[in-house]
Amino acid sequence: MSPLFPVPRVLAALVAVSVATALQTSLFPHFAVHGVVPDLVLLVVVATGLAHGSEVGLVLGFGAGLLLDLAPPADHYAGRWALALMAVGYVAGRLGSSGHLRIGQWLPVAAAASFVGTSVFALTGLVLHDPEVGVGELLRVEVTAVGWDVALALVVVPLTVGLFAKVEPDRVLASPPRERVERALRAKATLPRGPREA
């Protein structure tokens, strides 16, 4: 059984999350639409969930979210992004674990994950009385965030999955247990047999 977090995967995830966090907190605030900044870290977590399944997506979502919560200019309670990105990693891993990476499959997953992540972040803000977004602004923020994320997913998700494919070419996409069992049975059926005993 292979480990859930081999060293190449961890290093690739650290590089992807670090670059995404740096860009999201330094460069992309200049491109904000109605105060909404593109969620590059969220898209890295989506790509990780798609490539390696819900468990890895969940764990990376927590770590990446905590980093985003603590990275300046954080103006909210720590833990909100961690919770939101945990949900994103889990949802992306569960919805997109078919073993194939086709745009018709992962783009709706990225949109759904963006909606889930933005909703969790916004709703925890309402529960904790964060003054950033009021109830009346939630729909506008959701639509803008999902629009940004879907547009950038066309670039970020393939780049992140490609990074994972470079470091782990044999384990690039998660596949559900049924598909793994079917593959193993097909491989067993094609194994050469030894000479028959008479």
C-alpha atoms as a PDB file:
ATOM      1  CA  MET A   1       0.000   0.000   0.000  1.00  0.00           C
ATOM      2  CA  SER A   2       1.448   3.360  -0.995  1.00  0.00           C
ATOM      3  CA  PRO A   3       1.547   6.236   1.486  1.00  0.00           C
ATOM      4  CA  LEU A   4      -1.101   8.936   1.272  1.00  0.00           C
ATOM      5  CA  PHE A   5       1.533  11.680   1.258  1.00  0.00           C
ATOM      6  CA  PRO A   6       4.745  10.632  -0.504  1.00  0.00           C
ATOM      7  CA  VAL A   7       7.555  13.208  -0.486  1.00  0.00           C
ATOM      8  CA  PRO A   8       7.214  14.247  -4.175  1.00  0.00           C
ATOM      9  CA  ARG A   9       3.489  14.912  -3.706  1.00  0.00           C
ATOM     10  CA  VAL A  10       4.116  16.949  -0.559  1.00  0.00           C
ATOM     11  CA  LEU A  11       6.800  19.028  -2.272  1.00  0.00           C
ATOM     12  CA  ALA A  12       4.625  19.636  -5.335  1.00  0.00           C
ATOM     13  CA  ALA A  13       1.697  20.648  -3.105  1.00  0.00           C
ATOM     14  CA  LEU A  14       3.923  23.007  -1.095  1.00  0.00           C
ATOM     15  CA  VAL A  15       5.185  24.676  -4.260  1.00  0.00           C
ATOM     16  CA  ALA A  16       1.698  25.008  -5.751  1.00  0.00           C
ATOM     17  CA  VAL A  17       0.120  26.365  -2.551  1.00  0.00           C
ATOM     18  CA  SER A  18       3.011  28.753  -1.883  1.00  0.00           C
ATOM     19  CA  VAL A  19       2.924  30.239  -5.380  1.00  0.00           C
ATOM     20  CA  ALA A  20      -0.873  30.494  -5.339  1.00  0.00           C
ATOM     21  CA  THR A  21      -0.869  32.148  -1.892  1.00  0.00           C
ATOM     22  CA  ALA A  22       1.804  34.648  -2.921  1.00  0.00           C
ATOM     23  CA  LEU A  23      -0.068  35.575  -6.101  1.00  0.00           C
ATOM     24  CA  GLN A  24      -3.471  35.694  -4.399  1.00  0.00           C
ATOM     25  CA  THR A  25      -2.309  37.965  -1.579  1.00  0.00           C
ATOM     26  CA  SER A  26       0.071  40.238  -3.483  1.00  0.00           C
ATOM     27  CA  LEU A  27      -0.753  40.508  -7.199  1.00  0.00           C
ATOM     28  CA  PHE A  28      -4.410  39.556  -7.617  1.00  0.00           C
ATOM     29  CA  PRO A  29      -5.891  42.108  -5.181  1.00  0.00           C
ATOM     30  CA  HIS A  30      -5.122  44.653  -7.912  1.00  0.00           C
ATOM     31  CA  PHE A  31      -7.547  42.770 -10.189  1.00  0.00           C
ATOM     32  CA  ALA A  32     -10.391  42.532  -7.654  1.00  0.00           C
ATOM     33  CA  VAL A  33     -13.914  42.910  -9.026  1.00  0.00           C
ATOM     34  CA  HIS A  34     -16.320  44.493  -6.511  1.00  0.00           C
ATOM     35  CA  GLY A  35     -13.792  43.631  -3.808  1.00  0.00           C
ATOM     36  CA  VAL A  36     -13.657  39.936  -4.739  1.00  0.00           C
ATOM     37  CA  VAL A  37     -10.167  38.540  -5.374  1.00  0.00           C
ATOM     38  CA  PRO A  38      -9.646  35.364  -7.439  1.00  0.00           C
ATOM     39  CA  ASP A  39      -9.198  32.257  -5.256  1.00  0.00           C
ATOM     40  CA  LEU A  40      -6.047  30.673  -6.681  1.00  0.00           C
ATOM     41  CA  VAL A  41      -5.442  28.626  -3.534  1.00  0.00           C
ATOM     42  CA  LEU A  42      -8.964  27.224  -3.786  1.00  0.00           C
ATOM     43  CA  LEU A  43      -8.235  26.111  -7.363  1.00  0.00           C
ATOM     44  CA  VAL A  44      -5.000  24.399  -6.291  1.00  0.00           C
ATOM     45  CA  VAL A  45      -7.009  22.495  -3.668  1.00  0.00           C
ATOM     46  CA  VAL A  46      -9.597  21.579  -6.333  1.00  0.00           C
ATOM     47  CA  ALA A  47      -6.855  20.249  -8.615  1.00  0.00           C
ATOM     48  CA  THR A  48      -5.359  18.272  -5.736  1.00  0.00           C
ATOM     49  CA  GLY A  49      -8.732  16.741  -4.899  1.00  0.00           C
ATOM     50  CA  LEU A  50      -9.244  15.849  -8.557  1.00  0.00           C
ATOM     51  CA  ALA A  51      -5.764  14.368  -8.912  1.00  0.00           C
ATOM     52  CA  HIS A  52      -5.447  12.503  -5.613  1.00  0.00           C
ATOM     53  CA  GLY A  53      -8.890  12.074  -4.093  1.00  0.00           C
ATOM     54  CA  SER A  54     -10.891  13.475  -1.223  1.00  0.00           C
ATOM     55  CA  GLU A  55      -8.546  12.510   1.631  1.00  0.00           C
ATOM     56  CA  VAL A  56      -5.543  14.319   0.162  1.00  0.00           C
ATOM     57  CA  GLY A  57      -7.752  17.235  -0.924  1.00  0.00           C
ATOM     58  CA  LEU A  58      -9.170  17.533   2.586  1.00  0.00           C
ATOM     59  CA  VAL A  59      -5.754  17.582   4.266  1.00  0.00           C
ATOM     60  CA  LEU A  60      -4.239  19.984   1.742  1.00  0.00           C
ATOM     61  CA  GLY A  61      -7.345  22.152   2.023  1.00  0.00           C
ATOM     62  CA  PHE A  62      -6.822  22.475   5.764  1.00  0.00           C
ATOM     63  CA  GLY A  63      -3.134  23.343   5.432  1.00  0.00           C
ATOM     64  CA  ALA A  64      -3.620  25.744   2.527  1.00  0.00           C
ATOM     65  CA  GLY A  65      -6.592  27.371   4.227  1.00  0.00           C
ATOM     66  CA  LEU A  66      -4.667  27.870   7.440  1.00  0.00           C
ATOM     67  CA  LEU A  67      -1.813  29.436   5.469  1.00  0.00           C
ATOM     68  CA  LEU A  68      -4.298  31.731   3.730  1.00  0.00           C
ATOM     69  CA  ASP A  69      -5.903  32.593   7.084  1.00  0.00           C
ATOM     70  CA  LEU A  70      -2.550  33.661   8.519  1.00  0.00           C
ATOM     71  CA  ALA A  71      -1.015  35.305   5.430  1.00  0.00           C
ATOM     72  CA  PRO A  72      -1.121  39.088   5.424  1.00  0.00           C
ATOM     73  CA  PRO A  73      -3.362  41.000   4.772  1.00  0.00           C
ATOM     74  CA  ALA A  74      -5.759  38.585   6.524  1.00  0.00           C
ATOM     75  CA  ASP A  75      -8.625  40.608   7.970  1.00  0.00           C
ATOM     76  CA  HIS A  76     -10.816  37.804   9.307  1.00  0.00           C
ATOM     77  CA  TYR A  77     -10.837  35.201  12.051  1.00  0.00           C
ATOM     78  CA  ALA A  78      -8.259  32.464  11.537  1.00  0.00           C
ATOM     79  CA  GLY A  79      -9.759  29.133  10.578  1.00  0.00           C
ATOM     80  CA  ARG A  80     -12.446  30.351   8.204  1.00  0.00           C
ATOM     81  CA  TRP A  81     -10.458  29.594   5.044  1.00  0.00           C
ATOM     82  CA  ALA A  82      -9.180  26.362   6.589  1.00  0.00           C
ATOM     83  CA  LEU A  83     -12.751  25.149   7.082  1.00  0.00           C
ATOM     84  CA  ALA A  84     -13.843  26.344   3.639  1.00  0.00           C
ATOM     85  CA  LEU A  85     -10.925  24.748   1.798  1.00  0.00           C
ATOM     86  CA  MET A  86     -11.310  21.478   3.705  1.00  0.00           C
ATOM     87  CA  ALA A  87     -14.838  21.325   2.315  1.00  0.00           C
ATOM     88  CA  VAL A  88     -13.536  22.244  -1.153  1.00  0.00           C
ATOM     89  CA  GLY A  89     -10.876  19.518  -1.144  1.00  0.00           C
ATOM     90  CA  TYR A  90     -13.366  16.915  -0.008  1.00  0.00           C
ATOM     91  CA  VAL A  91     -16.045  17.950  -2.524  1.00  0.00           C
ATOM     92  CA  ALA A  92     -13.563  18.083  -5.418  1.00  0.00           C
ATOM     93  CA  GLY A  93     -12.179  14.679  -4.516  1.00  0.00           C
ATOM     94  CA  ARG A  94     -15.619  13.099  -4.234  1.00  0.00           C
ATOM     95  CA  LEU A  95     -17.157  14.694  -7.328  1.00  0.00           C
ATOM     96  CA  GLY A  96     -14.168  14.348  -9.586  1.00  0.00           C
ATOM     97  CA  SER A  97     -12.689  10.969  -8.767  1.00  0.00           C
ATOM     98  CA  SER A  98     -13.427   9.191 -12.017  1.00  0.00           C
ATOM     99  CA  GLY A  99      -9.824   8.730 -13.069  1.00  0.00           C
ATOM    100  CA  HIS A 100     -10.154  10.911 -16.183  1.00  0.00           C
ATOM    101  CA  LEU A 101      -9.372  14.598 -16.549  1.00  0.00           C
ATOM    102  CA  ARG A 102     -11.729  16.067 -19.113  1.00  0.00           C
ATOM    103  CA  ILE A 103     -12.719  19.709 -19.108  1.00  0.00           C
ATOM    104  CA  GLY A 104     -16.408  18.787 -19.205  1.00  0.00           C
ATOM    105  CA  GLN A 105     -15.907  16.963 -15.925  1.00  0.00           C
ATOM    106  CA  TRP A 106     -13.558  19.113 -13.880  1.00  0.00           C
ATOM    107  CA  LEU A 107     -14.841  22.569 -14.850  1.00  0.00           C
ATOM    108  CA  PRO A 108     -18.270  21.950 -13.234  1.00  0.00           C
ATOM    109  CA  VAL A 109     -16.442  20.442 -10.248  1.00  0.00           C
ATOM    110  CA  ALA A 110     -14.338  23.605  -9.985  1.00  0.00           C
ATOM    111  CA  ALA A 111     -17.492  25.744 -10.178  1.00  0.00           C
ATOM    112  CA  ALA A 112     -19.261  23.659  -7.515  1.00  0.00           C
ATOM    113  CA  ALA A 113     -16.201  23.687  -5.268  1.00  0.00           C
ATOM    114  CA  SER A 114     -15.870  27.451  -5.687  1.00  0.00           C
ATOM    115  CA  PHE A 115     -19.501  27.899  -4.704  1.00  0.00           C
ATOM    116  CA  VAL A 116     -19.079  25.608  -1.675  1.00  0.00           C
ATOM    117  CA  GLY A 117     -15.845  27.267  -0.530  1.00  0.00           C
ATOM    118  CA  THR A 118     -17.123  30.817  -0.932  1.00  0.00           C
ATOM    119  CA  SER A 119     -20.400  29.904   0.784  1.00  0.00           C
ATOM    120  CA  VAL A 120     -18.674  28.287   3.761  1.00  0.00           C
ATOM    121  CA  PHE A 121     -16.320  31.262   4.113  1.00  0.00           C
ATOM    122  CA  ALA A 122     -19.184  33.780   3.856  1.00  0.00           C
ATOM    123  CA  LEU A 123     -21.522  31.873   6.183  1.00  0.00           C
ATOM    124  CA  THR A 124     -18.849  31.479   8.855  1.00  0.00           C
ATOM    125  CA  GLY A 125     -18.350  35.227   8.577  1.00  0.00           C
ATOM    126  CA  LEU A 126     -22.057  35.767   9.233  1.00  0.00           C
ATOM    127  CA  VAL A 127     -22.030  33.386  12.189  1.00  0.00           C
ATOM    128  CA  LEU A 128     -18.930  35.061  13.669  1.00  0.00           C
ATOM    129  CA  HIS A 129     -20.290  38.570  12.920  1.00  0.00           C
ATOM    130  CA  ASP A 130     -17.506  39.475  10.509  1.00  0.00           C
ATOM    131  CA  PRO A 131     -18.444  42.900   9.122  1.00  0.00           C
ATOM    132  CA  GLU A 132     -16.863  42.345   5.673  1.00  0.00           C
ATOM    133  CA  VAL A 133     -19.918  41.001   3.837  1.00  0.00           C
ATOM    134  CA  GLY A 134     -23.538  41.583   4.726  1.00  0.00           C
ATOM    135  CA  VAL A 135     -26.415  39.238   3.942  1.00  0.00           C
ATOM    136  CA  GLY A 136     -27.557  41.393   1.034  1.00  0.00           C
ATOM    137  CA  GLU A 137     -24.141  41.222  -0.649  1.00  0.00           C
ATOM    138  CA  LEU A 138     -23.714  37.441  -0.448  1.00  0.00           C
ATOM    139  CA  LEU A 139     -25.259  36.665  -3.833  1.00  0.00           C
ATOM    140  CA  ARG A 140     -23.147  39.273  -5.637  1.00  0.00           C
ATOM    141  CA  VAL A 141     -19.992  37.987  -3.938  1.00  0.00           C
ATOM    142  CA  GLU A 142     -20.877  34.362  -4.767  1.00  0.00           C
ATOM    143  CA  VAL A 143     -21.528  35.079  -8.451  1.00  0.00           C
ATOM    144  CA  THR A 144     -18.352  37.152  -8.810  1.00  0.00           C
ATOM    145  CA  ALA A 145     -16.201  34.568  -6.997  1.00  0.00           C
ATOM    146  CA  VAL A 146     -17.549  31.643  -9.016  1.00  0.00           C
ATOM    147  CA  GLY A 147     -17.047  33.606 -12.247  1.00  0.00           C
ATOM    148  CA  TRP A 148     -13.438  34.416 -11.347  1.00  0.00           C
ATOM    149  CA  ASP A 149     -12.718  30.864 -10.267  1.00  0.00           C
ATOM    150  CA  VAL A 150     -14.226  29.211 -13.342  1.00  0.00           C
ATOM    151  CA  ALA A 151     -12.262  31.536 -15.639  1.00  0.00           C
ATOM    152  CA  LEU A 152      -8.973  30.935 -13.820  1.00  0.00           C
ATOM    153  CA  ALA A 153      -9.649  27.209 -13.417  1.00  0.00           C
ATOM    154  CA  LEU A 154      -9.016  26.861 -17.148  1.00  0.00           C
ATOM    155  CA  VAL A 155      -5.363  27.690 -16.408  1.00  0.00           C
ATOM    156  CA  VAL A 156      -4.718  26.799 -12.754  1.00  0.00           C
ATOM    157  CA  VAL A 157      -6.238  23.301 -12.615  1.00  0.00           C
ATOM    158  CA  PRO A 158      -4.367  21.889 -15.657  1.00  0.00           C
ATOM    159  CA  LEU A 159      -1.093  23.471 -14.464  1.00  0.00           C
ATOM    160  CA  THR A 160      -1.464  22.015 -10.974  1.00  0.00           C
ATOM    161  CA  VAL A 161      -2.461  18.570 -12.216  1.00  0.00           C
ATOM    162  CA  GLY A 162       0.454  18.748 -14.661  1.00  0.00           C
ATOM    163  CA  LEU A 163       2.807  19.510 -11.767  1.00  0.00           C
ATOM    164  CA  PHE A 164       1.514  16.453  -9.917  1.00  0.00           C
ATOM    165  CA  ALA A 165       1.901  14.380 -13.094  1.00  0.00           C
ATOM    166  CA  LYS A 166       5.541  15.448 -13.382  1.00  0.00           C
ATOM    167  CA  VAL A 167       6.415  14.342  -9.848  1.00  0.00           C
ATOM    168  CA  GLU A 168       4.173  11.246  -9.741  1.00  0.00           C
ATOM    169  CA  PRO A 169       3.456  10.065 -13.283  1.00  0.00           C
ATOM    170  CA  ASP A 170       2.045   6.732 -12.115  1.00  0.00           C
ATOM    171  CA  ARG A 171      -0.422   8.234  -9.606  1.00  0.00           C
ATOM    172  CA  VAL A 172      -1.673  11.393 -11.261  1.00  0.00           C
ATOM    173  CA  LEU A 173      -5.402  10.838 -11.012  1.00  0.00           C
ATOM    174  CA  ALA A 174      -7.461   9.388  -8.221  1.00  0.00           C
ATOM    175  CA  SER A 175      -9.788   6.619  -9.188  1.00  0.00           C
ATOM    176  CA  PRO A 176     -12.645   5.207  -7.186  1.00  0.00           C
ATOM    177  CA  PRO A 177     -12.179   1.808  -5.543  1.00  0.00           C
ATOM    178  CA  ARG A 178     -14.410   0.032  -8.072  1.00  0.00           C
ATOM    179  CA  GLU A 179     -12.228   1.167 -10.973  1.00  0.00           C
ATOM    180  CA  ARG A 180      -9.051   0.151  -9.112  1.00  0.00           C
ATOM    181  CA  VAL A 181     -10.497  -3.313  -8.485  1.00  0.00           C
ATOM    182  CA  GLU A 182     -11.577  -3.683 -12.123  1.00  0.00           C
ATOM    183  CA  ARG A 183      -8.103  -2.627 -13.301  1.00  0.00           C
ATOM    184  CA  ALA A 184      -6.471  -5.116 -10.947  1.00  0.00           C
ATOM    185  CA  LEU A 185      -8.749  -7.914 -12.170  1.00  0.00           C
ATOM    186  CA  ARG A 186      -8.001  -7.080 -15.813  1.00  0.00           C
ATOM    187  CA  ALA A 187      -4.269  -7.050 -15.054  1.00  0.00           C
ATOM    188  CA  LYS A 188      -4.541 -10.410 -13.300  1.00  0.00           C
ATOM    189  CA  ALA A 189      -6.453 -11.911 -16.232  1.00  0.00           C
ATOM    190  CA  THR A 190      -3.712 -10.897 -18.669  1.00  0.00           C
ATOM    191  CA  LEU A 191      -0.792 -12.271 -16.650  1.00  0.00           C
ATOM    192  CA  PRO A 192       1.091 -15.029 -18.491  1.00  0.00           C
ATOM    193  CA  ARG A 193       0.464 -18.447 -17.027  1.00  0.00           C
ATOM    194  CA  GLY A 194       3.139 -21.017 -16.391  1.00  0.00           C
ATOM    195  CA  PRO A 195       3.198 -24.479 -17.958  1.00  0.00           C
ATOM    196  CA  ARG A 196       0.258 -26.619 -17.054  1.00  0.00           C
ATOM    197  CA  GLU A 197       0.779 -29.647 -14.951  1.00  0.00           C
ATOM    198  CA  ALA A 198      -0.438 -32.871 -16.567  1.00  0.00           C
END
